[in-house]
Amino acid sequence: MGEPHVVTLRATRAGDLDALFGFEQDPTAVRMAAFTSPDPSDRAMFDAHWRRLLADPTVDTRTVRADGVIVGSVARWFDDGRAELTCWIDPAHWHEGIATRAMRLFLDEVHERPVRARVAADNAPSIALLERLGFRHVSTETSFANARDAEIEERVYALD
């Protein structure tokens, strides 16, 4: 095993979007995430979504880099006044500890608490990540998952 990656975060820029869009084209990642846009391959929809995120001063989006290379994103937004987090890492970099380090860095800078995260109930790697970071399971809901074209169980986690 080589040296661990140096993981850094920076404010997401328009120039990052090509890489971020590419990461969301992996069918395994899309299925695992479950709660995606209706058509993850629709670049116009992706760009419109990111334009809204980047223009909203209440949304904090960061590009995750490992050894200077873009490998994903983390973000915080508010839903009904409650802070929520999301993270997406390039599947080519899964199981390298990047998501854990990126989320720790982000949580060190984002001070809203409690903060929630939602995950498909069968997404064991994301559940393990949240639990490693100290999130606790607070509720379970049934929600429509575009990537699976069905209602599935979704777990809600909170970090106080």
C-alpha atoms as a PDB file:
ATOM      1  CA  MET A   1       0.000   0.000   0.000  1.00  0.00           C
ATOM      2  CA  GLY A   2       1.379   3.426  -0.975  1.00  0.00           C
ATOM      3  CA  GLU A   3       1.395   6.669   0.928  1.00  0.00           C
ATOM      4  CA  PRO A   4      -2.030   7.985   1.943  1.00  0.00           C
ATOM      5  CA  HIS A   5      -3.527  10.647  -0.280  1.00  0.00           C
ATOM      6  CA  VAL A   6      -3.324  14.303   0.693  1.00  0.00           C
ATOM      7  CA  VAL A   7      -7.009  15.281   0.728  1.00  0.00           C
ATOM      8  CA  THR A   8      -7.987  18.930   0.384  1.00  0.00           C
ATOM      9  CA  LEU A   9     -11.199  20.874  -0.122  1.00  0.00           C
ATOM     10  CA  ARG A  10     -11.747  24.090  -2.055  1.00  0.00           C
ATOM     11  CA  ALA A  11     -14.834  26.036  -3.067  1.00  0.00           C
ATOM     12  CA  THR A  12     -16.368  24.380  -6.122  1.00  0.00           C
ATOM     13  CA  ARG A  13     -15.731  26.254  -9.365  1.00  0.00           C
ATOM     14  CA  ALA A  14     -17.487  26.058 -12.712  1.00  0.00           C
ATOM     15  CA  GLY A  15     -14.320  24.473 -14.112  1.00  0.00           C
ATOM     16  CA  ASP A  16     -14.756  21.508 -11.730  1.00  0.00           C
ATOM     17  CA  LEU A  17     -18.102  20.487 -13.196  1.00  0.00           C
ATOM     18  CA  ASP A  18     -16.808  18.337 -16.069  1.00  0.00           C
ATOM     19  CA  ALA A  19     -15.027  16.057 -13.599  1.00  0.00           C
ATOM     20  CA  LEU A  20     -17.961  16.001 -11.157  1.00  0.00           C
ATOM     21  CA  PHE A  21     -20.397  15.152 -13.942  1.00  0.00           C
ATOM     22  CA  GLY A  22     -18.152  12.306 -15.072  1.00  0.00           C
ATOM     23  CA  PHE A  23     -18.121  10.729 -11.599  1.00  0.00           C
ATOM     24  CA  GLU A  24     -21.913  10.613 -11.606  1.00  0.00           C
ATOM     25  CA  GLN A  25     -22.013   8.493 -14.769  1.00  0.00           C
ATOM     26  CA  ASP A  26     -20.930   5.284 -13.022  1.00  0.00           C
ATOM     27  CA  PRO A  27     -24.020   3.008 -12.892  1.00  0.00           C
ATOM     28  CA  THR A  28     -22.912   1.274  -9.682  1.00  0.00           C
ATOM     29  CA  ALA A  29     -22.410   4.603  -7.915  1.00  0.00           C
ATOM     30  CA  VAL A  30     -25.741   5.954  -9.161  1.00  0.00           C
ATOM     31  CA  ARG A  31     -27.599   2.853  -7.959  1.00  0.00           C
ATOM     32  CA  MET A  32     -25.857   2.969  -4.584  1.00  0.00           C
ATOM     33  CA  ALA A  33     -26.613   6.684  -4.121  1.00  0.00           C
ATOM     34  CA  ALA A  34     -30.229   5.983  -5.186  1.00  0.00           C
ATOM     35  CA  PHE A  35     -31.479   9.542  -4.640  1.00  0.00           C
ATOM     36  CA  THR A  36     -30.115  11.120  -7.801  1.00  0.00           C
ATOM     37  CA  SER A  37     -31.556  13.324 -10.511  1.00  0.00           C
ATOM     38  CA  PRO A  38     -34.124  11.606 -12.728  1.00  0.00           C
ATOM     39  CA  ASP A  39     -31.533  11.281 -15.525  1.00  0.00           C
ATOM     40  CA  PRO A  40     -27.917  11.484 -14.305  1.00  0.00           C
ATOM     41  CA  SER A  41     -26.715  11.494 -17.939  1.00  0.00           C
ATOM     42  CA  ASP A  42     -28.580  14.759 -18.698  1.00  0.00           C
ATOM     43  CA  ARG A  43     -25.748  17.304 -18.742  1.00  0.00           C
ATOM     44  CA  ALA A  44     -28.070  20.306 -19.164  1.00  0.00           C
ATOM     45  CA  MET A  45     -30.005  19.291 -16.018  1.00  0.00           C
ATOM     46  CA  PHE A  46     -26.734  18.732 -14.134  1.00  0.00           C
ATOM     47  CA  ASP A  47     -25.392  22.155 -15.172  1.00  0.00           C
ATOM     48  CA  ALA A  48     -28.656  23.902 -14.235  1.00  0.00           C
ATOM     49  CA  HIS A  49     -28.598  22.202 -10.816  1.00  0.00           C
ATOM     50  CA  TRP A  50     -25.011  23.269 -10.184  1.00  0.00           C
ATOM     51  CA  ARG A  51     -25.689  26.839 -11.360  1.00  0.00           C
ATOM     52  CA  ARG A  52     -28.417  27.045  -8.687  1.00  0.00           C
ATOM     53  CA  LEU A  53     -26.093  25.580  -6.021  1.00  0.00           C
ATOM     54  CA  LEU A  54     -23.190  27.893  -6.860  1.00  0.00           C
ATOM     55  CA  ALA A  55     -25.463  30.961  -6.914  1.00  0.00           C
ATOM     56  CA  ASP A  56     -27.119  30.196  -3.550  1.00  0.00           C
ATOM     57  CA  PRO A  57     -25.214  31.853  -0.678  1.00  0.00           C
ATOM     58  CA  THR A  58     -26.746  29.396   1.828  1.00  0.00           C
ATOM     59  CA  VAL A  59     -25.213  26.396   0.028  1.00  0.00           C
ATOM     60  CA  ASP A  60     -21.586  25.480   0.734  1.00  0.00           C
ATOM     61  CA  THR A  61     -20.115  23.282  -2.015  1.00  0.00           C
ATOM     62  CA  ARG A  62     -16.533  22.066  -1.970  1.00  0.00           C
ATOM     63  CA  THR A  63     -14.537  20.123  -4.491  1.00  0.00           C
ATOM     64  CA  VAL A  64     -12.583  17.234  -3.005  1.00  0.00           C
ATOM     65  CA  ARG A  65      -9.047  16.783  -4.300  1.00  0.00           C
ATOM     66  CA  ALA A  66      -6.636  13.946  -3.567  1.00  0.00           C
ATOM     67  CA  ASP A  67      -3.016  14.729  -4.336  1.00  0.00           C
ATOM     68  CA  GLY A  68      -4.246  17.770  -6.295  1.00  0.00           C
ATOM     69  CA  VAL A  69      -6.621  15.791  -8.547  1.00  0.00           C
ATOM     70  CA  ILE A  70     -10.402  16.303  -8.395  1.00  0.00           C
ATOM     71  CA  VAL A  71     -12.025  13.173  -6.966  1.00  0.00           C
ATOM     72  CA  GLY A  72     -15.432  14.351  -5.731  1.00  0.00           C
ATOM     73  CA  SER A  73     -17.518  16.875  -3.874  1.00  0.00           C
ATOM     74  CA  VAL A  74     -19.067  17.590  -0.497  1.00  0.00           C
ATOM     75  CA  ALA A  75     -21.848  20.063   0.186  1.00  0.00           C
ATOM     76  CA  ARG A  76     -24.088  21.503   2.867  1.00  0.00           C
ATOM     77  CA  TRP A  77     -27.499  23.029   2.240  1.00  0.00           C
ATOM     78  CA  PHE A  78     -30.598  23.679   4.318  1.00  0.00           C
ATOM     79  CA  ASP A  79     -33.865  21.768   4.102  1.00  0.00           C
ATOM     80  CA  ASP A  80     -36.668  23.239   6.216  1.00  0.00           C
ATOM     81  CA  GLY A  81     -34.043  25.195   8.134  1.00  0.00           C
ATOM     82  CA  ARG A  82     -31.967  22.097   8.951  1.00  0.00           C
ATOM     83  CA  ALA A  83     -28.423  21.634   7.711  1.00  0.00           C
ATOM     84  CA  GLU A  84     -27.932  18.588   5.452  1.00  0.00           C
ATOM     85  CA  LEU A  85     -24.731  17.118   4.005  1.00  0.00           C
ATOM     86  CA  THR A  86     -23.898  15.125   0.931  1.00  0.00           C
ATOM     87  CA  CYS A  87     -20.719  13.611  -0.465  1.00  0.00           C
ATOM     88  CA  TRP A  88     -19.879  12.030  -3.831  1.00  0.00           C
ATOM     89  CA  ILE A  89     -16.497  10.439  -4.518  1.00  0.00           C
ATOM     90  CA  ASP A  90     -15.282   9.100  -7.848  1.00  0.00           C
ATOM     91  CA  PRO A  91     -15.826   5.312  -7.704  1.00  0.00           C
ATOM     92  CA  ALA A  92     -12.243   4.861  -8.953  1.00  0.00           C
ATOM     93  CA  HIS A  93     -11.191   6.201  -5.525  1.00  0.00           C
ATOM     94  CA  TRP A  94     -13.546   4.259  -3.260  1.00  0.00           C
ATOM     95  CA  HIS A  95     -11.959   2.358  -0.352  1.00  0.00           C
ATOM     96  CA  GLU A  96      -9.003   4.767  -0.119  1.00  0.00           C
ATOM     97  CA  GLY A  97     -10.220   6.721   2.935  1.00  0.00           C
ATOM     98  CA  ILE A  98     -10.799   9.854   0.862  1.00  0.00           C
ATOM     99  CA  ALA A  99     -14.487  10.244   1.722  1.00  0.00           C
ATOM    100  CA  THR A 100     -13.786   9.942   5.450  1.00  0.00           C
ATOM    101  CA  ARG A 101     -10.997  12.529   5.334  1.00  0.00           C
ATOM    102  CA  ALA A 102     -13.001  14.893   3.110  1.00  0.00           C
ATOM    103  CA  MET A 103     -16.052  14.727   5.376  1.00  0.00           C
ATOM    104  CA  ARG A 104     -13.897  15.292   8.499  1.00  0.00           C
ATOM    105  CA  LEU A 105     -12.316  18.355   6.901  1.00  0.00           C
ATOM    106  CA  PHE A 106     -15.737  19.653   5.877  1.00  0.00           C
ATOM    107  CA  LEU A 107     -17.295  19.061   9.303  1.00  0.00           C
ATOM    108  CA  ASP A 108     -14.367  20.897  10.908  1.00  0.00           C
ATOM    109  CA  GLU A 109     -15.290  23.969   8.831  1.00  0.00           C
ATOM    110  CA  VAL A 110     -19.097  23.699   8.813  1.00  0.00           C
ATOM    111  CA  HIS A 111     -20.279  24.413  12.319  1.00  0.00           C
ATOM    112  CA  GLU A 112     -24.061  24.033  12.016  1.00  0.00           C
ATOM    113  CA  ARG A 113     -25.281  21.357  14.403  1.00  0.00           C
ATOM    114  CA  PRO A 114     -27.209  19.283  14.297  1.00  0.00           C
ATOM    115  CA  VAL A 115     -26.435  18.398  10.720  1.00  0.00           C
ATOM    116  CA  ARG A 116     -28.231  15.599   8.910  1.00  0.00           C
ATOM    117  CA  ALA A 117     -27.321  13.171   6.173  1.00  0.00           C
ATOM    118  CA  ARG A 118     -29.597  10.801   4.294  1.00  0.00           C
ATOM    119  CA  VAL A 119     -28.649   7.473   2.807  1.00  0.00           C
ATOM    120  CA  ALA A 120     -30.327   4.507   1.152  1.00  0.00           C
ATOM    121  CA  ALA A 121     -30.778   1.860   3.861  1.00  0.00           C
ATOM    122  CA  ASP A 122     -28.813  -0.690   1.802  1.00  0.00           C
ATOM    123  CA  ASN A 123     -25.830   1.631   1.178  1.00  0.00           C
ATOM    124  CA  ALA A 124     -23.582  -0.015   3.780  1.00  0.00           C
ATOM    125  CA  PRO A 125     -20.379   1.909   2.879  1.00  0.00           C
ATOM    126  CA  SER A 126     -22.062   5.296   3.314  1.00  0.00           C
ATOM    127  CA  ILE A 127     -23.731   4.180   6.550  1.00  0.00           C
ATOM    128  CA  ALA A 128     -20.350   3.023   7.873  1.00  0.00           C
ATOM    129  CA  LEU A 129     -18.814   6.376   6.898  1.00  0.00           C
ATOM    130  CA  LEU A 130     -21.492   8.347   8.746  1.00  0.00           C
ATOM    131  CA  GLU A 131     -21.183   6.180  11.848  1.00  0.00           C
ATOM    132  CA  ARG A 132     -17.363   6.540  11.793  1.00  0.00           C
ATOM    133  CA  LEU A 133     -17.869  10.309  11.823  1.00  0.00           C
ATOM    134  CA  GLY A 134     -20.172  10.133  14.857  1.00  0.00           C
ATOM    135  CA  PHE A 135     -23.525  10.436  13.118  1.00  0.00           C
ATOM    136  CA  ARG A 136     -26.377   8.538  14.741  1.00  0.00           C
ATOM    137  CA  HIS A 137     -29.399   6.992  13.055  1.00  0.00           C
ATOM    138  CA  VAL A 138     -32.439   9.105  14.005  1.00  0.00           C
ATOM    139  CA  SER A 139     -35.202   7.950  11.672  1.00  0.00           C
ATOM    140  CA  THR A 140     -36.161   5.870   8.677  1.00  0.00           C
ATOM    141  CA  GLU A 141     -38.411   7.033   5.858  1.00  0.00           C
ATOM    142  CA  THR A 142     -39.682   5.676   2.582  1.00  0.00           C
ATOM    143  CA  SER A 143     -38.677   7.925  -0.306  1.00  0.00           C
ATOM    144  CA  PHE A 144     -38.685   7.722  -4.095  1.00  0.00           C
ATOM    145  CA  ALA A 145     -35.263   6.861  -5.493  1.00  0.00           C
ATOM    146  CA  ASN A 146     -34.876   8.024  -9.091  1.00  0.00           C
ATOM    147  CA  ALA A 147     -31.917   5.709  -9.689  1.00  0.00           C
ATOM    148  CA  ARG A 148     -34.047   2.704  -8.824  1.00  0.00           C
ATOM    149  CA  ASP A 149     -37.396   3.994 -10.094  1.00  0.00           C
ATOM    150  CA  ALA A 150     -39.002   2.873  -6.827  1.00  0.00           C
ATOM    151  CA  GLU A 151     -39.726   3.883  -3.277  1.00  0.00           C
ATOM    152  CA  ILE A 152     -37.041   2.557  -0.967  1.00  0.00           C
ATOM    153  CA  GLU A 153     -36.057   2.804   2.674  1.00  0.00           C
ATOM    154  CA  GLU A 154     -33.959   5.873   3.454  1.00  0.00           C
ATOM    155  CA  ARG A 155     -32.122   6.350   6.728  1.00  0.00           C
ATOM    156  CA  VAL A 156     -31.673   9.760   8.294  1.00  0.00           C
ATOM    157  CA  TYR A 157     -28.541  10.340  10.389  1.00  0.00           C
ATOM    158  CA  ALA A 158     -27.688  13.312  12.591  1.00  0.00           C
ATOM    159  CA  LEU A 159     -24.518  14.734  14.103  1.00  0.00           C
ATOM    160  CA  ASP A 160     -25.113  16.924  17.140  1.00  0.00           C
END
